[in-house]
Amino acid sequence: MFVERNPWKLKKTLKMPERCAECGQPFELEVGFWYGTGYVSYALTVAFSVASFVAWFVLIGMSTEDNRFFWWLGINSVVLILLQPWFMRLSRVIYLYFFVKYDPDYSHHHVTTFDYQSEDYYKKKPE
């Protein structure tokens, strides 16, 4: 789905071909389609933070008498920054799946599109 397999090559982390090489499904269904992935990425990072907080609470514990909460906050922040390219890619995959469902018989069906193609938006209209 992505041009570069390694998500930590930051200049190419979100580069995608126009269409799927296997089925021909366009990845950008409309202009600005990928803006919605910000919400998905936010939900993923919040879920990760809650899960890491619960794991920290169960394994290490929280106390107001020492700095355990701040240690969790610092470690969680660093891990979130390091995993952000992976979260961005995962959010694109999840967001695309909201609109394009897997079809095992894709060769006999049409690809999913919206009212107009993204490339049509950029074409100049005749005057």
Protein backbone atom coordinates (compact mmCIF):
# COMPACT_ATOMS: atom_id res chain seq x y z
CA MET A 1 0.00 0.00 0.00
CA PHE A 2 2.93 2.34 0.65
CA VAL A 3 5.82 3.02 -1.71
CA GLU A 4 8.46 2.73 1.02
CA ARG A 5 8.28 -0.33 3.27
CA ASN A 6 10.15 1.34 6.13
CA PRO A 7 7.85 3.81 7.94
CA TRP A 8 10.79 5.55 9.62
CA LYS A 9 12.13 6.96 6.35
CA LEU A 10 10.26 10.14 7.10
CA LYS A 11 10.43 11.80 3.68
CA LYS A 12 8.60 8.87 2.10
CA THR A 13 6.57 7.53 5.02
CA LEU A 14 3.16 8.51 3.55
CA LYS A 15 3.97 8.13 -0.16
CA MET A 16 1.38 5.92 -1.81
CA PRO A 17 0.76 4.92 -5.41
CA GLU A 18 -2.39 6.29 -7.03
CA ARG A 19 -3.99 2.84 -7.25
CA CYS A 20 -3.61 -0.59 -5.74
CA ALA A 21 -1.32 -2.72 -7.87
CA GLU A 22 -3.52 -5.80 -7.39
CA CYS A 23 -7.10 -4.59 -7.84
CA GLY A 24 -6.79 -1.05 -9.21
CA GLN A 25 -8.64 0.56 -6.29
CA PRO A 26 -7.75 4.29 -6.11
CA PHE A 27 -6.39 5.16 -2.69
CA GLU A 28 -7.45 8.81 -2.62
CA LEU A 29 -11.21 8.63 -3.09
CA GLU A 30 -11.71 12.40 -3.20
CA VAL A 31 -9.71 15.57 -2.78
CA GLY A 32 -8.59 15.93 0.82
CA PHE A 33 -9.61 12.36 1.61
CA TRP A 34 -6.74 11.75 4.02
CA TYR A 35 -7.60 14.65 6.36
CA GLY A 36 -9.86 12.31 8.31
CA THR A 37 -6.90 10.16 9.30
CA GLY A 38 -6.00 12.75 11.92
CA TYR A 39 -9.00 11.65 13.96
CA VAL A 40 -8.08 7.99 13.60
CA SER A 41 -4.47 8.70 14.56
CA TYR A 42 -5.64 10.66 17.59
CA ALA A 43 -7.86 7.76 18.70
CA LEU A 44 -4.99 5.29 18.26
CA THR A 45 -2.57 7.38 20.31
CA VAL A 46 -5.12 7.94 23.07
CA ALA A 47 -5.85 4.20 23.19
CA PHE A 48 -2.12 3.46 23.32
CA SER A 49 -1.63 5.99 26.12
CA VAL A 50 -4.51 4.55 28.15
CA ALA A 51 -3.18 1.02 27.66
CA SER A 52 0.33 2.04 28.70
CA PHE A 53 -1.07 3.88 31.73
CA VAL A 54 -3.02 0.81 32.84
CA ALA A 55 0.03 -1.42 32.30
CA TRP A 56 2.22 1.02 34.27
CA PHE A 57 -0.39 1.24 37.05
CA VAL A 58 -0.67 -2.56 37.35
CA LEU A 59 3.04 -3.38 37.02
CA ILE A 60 4.74 -0.42 38.72
CA GLY A 61 1.97 1.47 40.47
CA MET A 62 1.19 5.15 40.87
CA SER A 63 1.91 7.29 43.86
CA THR A 64 1.60 10.94 44.76
CA GLU A 65 4.68 10.69 46.98
CA ASP A 66 7.21 10.06 44.21
CA ASN A 67 7.59 10.79 40.51
CA ARG A 68 6.21 7.57 39.03
CA PHE A 69 3.46 9.43 37.14
CA PHE A 70 6.00 11.78 35.57
CA TRP A 71 8.23 8.85 34.61
CA TRP A 72 5.24 7.26 32.85
CA LEU A 73 4.40 10.56 31.18
CA GLY A 74 7.97 11.02 29.88
CA ILE A 75 8.39 7.44 28.68
CA ASN A 76 4.94 7.44 27.07
CA SER A 77 5.71 10.72 25.26
CA VAL A 78 9.00 9.39 23.88
CA VAL A 79 7.39 6.14 22.73
CA LEU A 80 4.53 8.03 21.06
CA ILE A 81 7.00 10.23 19.18
CA LEU A 82 9.01 7.20 18.06
CA LEU A 83 5.90 5.28 16.95
CA GLN A 84 4.21 8.25 15.23
CA PRO A 85 5.19 7.22 11.65
CA TRP A 86 3.74 3.77 12.30
CA PHE A 87 0.56 5.28 13.80
CA MET A 88 0.15 7.56 10.76
CA ARG A 89 0.36 4.61 8.38
CA LEU A 90 -1.95 2.48 10.48
CA SER A 91 -4.49 5.32 10.64
CA ARG A 92 -4.48 5.57 6.81
CA VAL A 93 -5.14 1.84 6.50
CA ILE A 94 -7.97 1.94 9.05
CA TYR A 95 -9.51 5.08 7.52
CA LEU A 96 -9.44 3.63 4.02
CA TYR A 97 -11.11 0.48 5.35
CA PHE A 98 -14.03 2.59 6.64
CA PHE A 99 -14.90 3.36 3.02
CA VAL A 100 -13.54 0.41 1.02
CA LYS A 101 -14.41 -3.03 2.34
CA TYR A 102 -12.39 -6.09 1.46
CA ASP A 103 -13.89 -8.00 -1.44
CA PRO A 104 -12.44 -11.49 -2.01
CA ASP A 105 -14.02 -11.47 -5.49
CA TYR A 106 -12.57 -8.08 -6.45
CA SER A 107 -11.75 -9.11 -10.02
CA HIS A 108 -15.47 -9.31 -10.87
CA HIS A 109 -16.58 -6.09 -9.15
CA HIS A 110 -15.99 -2.39 -9.69
CA VAL A 111 -13.68 -0.39 -7.46
CA THR A 112 -15.16 1.93 -4.85
CA THR A 113 -15.38 5.59 -5.87
CA PHE A 114 -17.16 8.70 -4.70
CA ASP A 115 -19.18 11.09 -6.87
CA TYR A 116 -16.14 12.29 -8.79
CA GLN A 117 -12.55 11.24 -9.17
CA SER A 118 -9.78 13.24 -7.48
CA GLU A 119 -7.95 13.70 -10.75
CA ASP A 120 -11.11 15.27 -12.27
CA TYR A 121 -10.98 17.99 -9.63
CA TYR A 122 -7.65 19.23 -10.90
CA LYS A 123 -8.52 19.20 -14.61
CA LYS A 124 -9.17 22.60 -16.09
CA LYS A 125 -12.72 23.17 -17.20
CA PRO A 126 -13.20 24.41 -20.77
CA GLU A 127 -14.14 28.07 -20.93
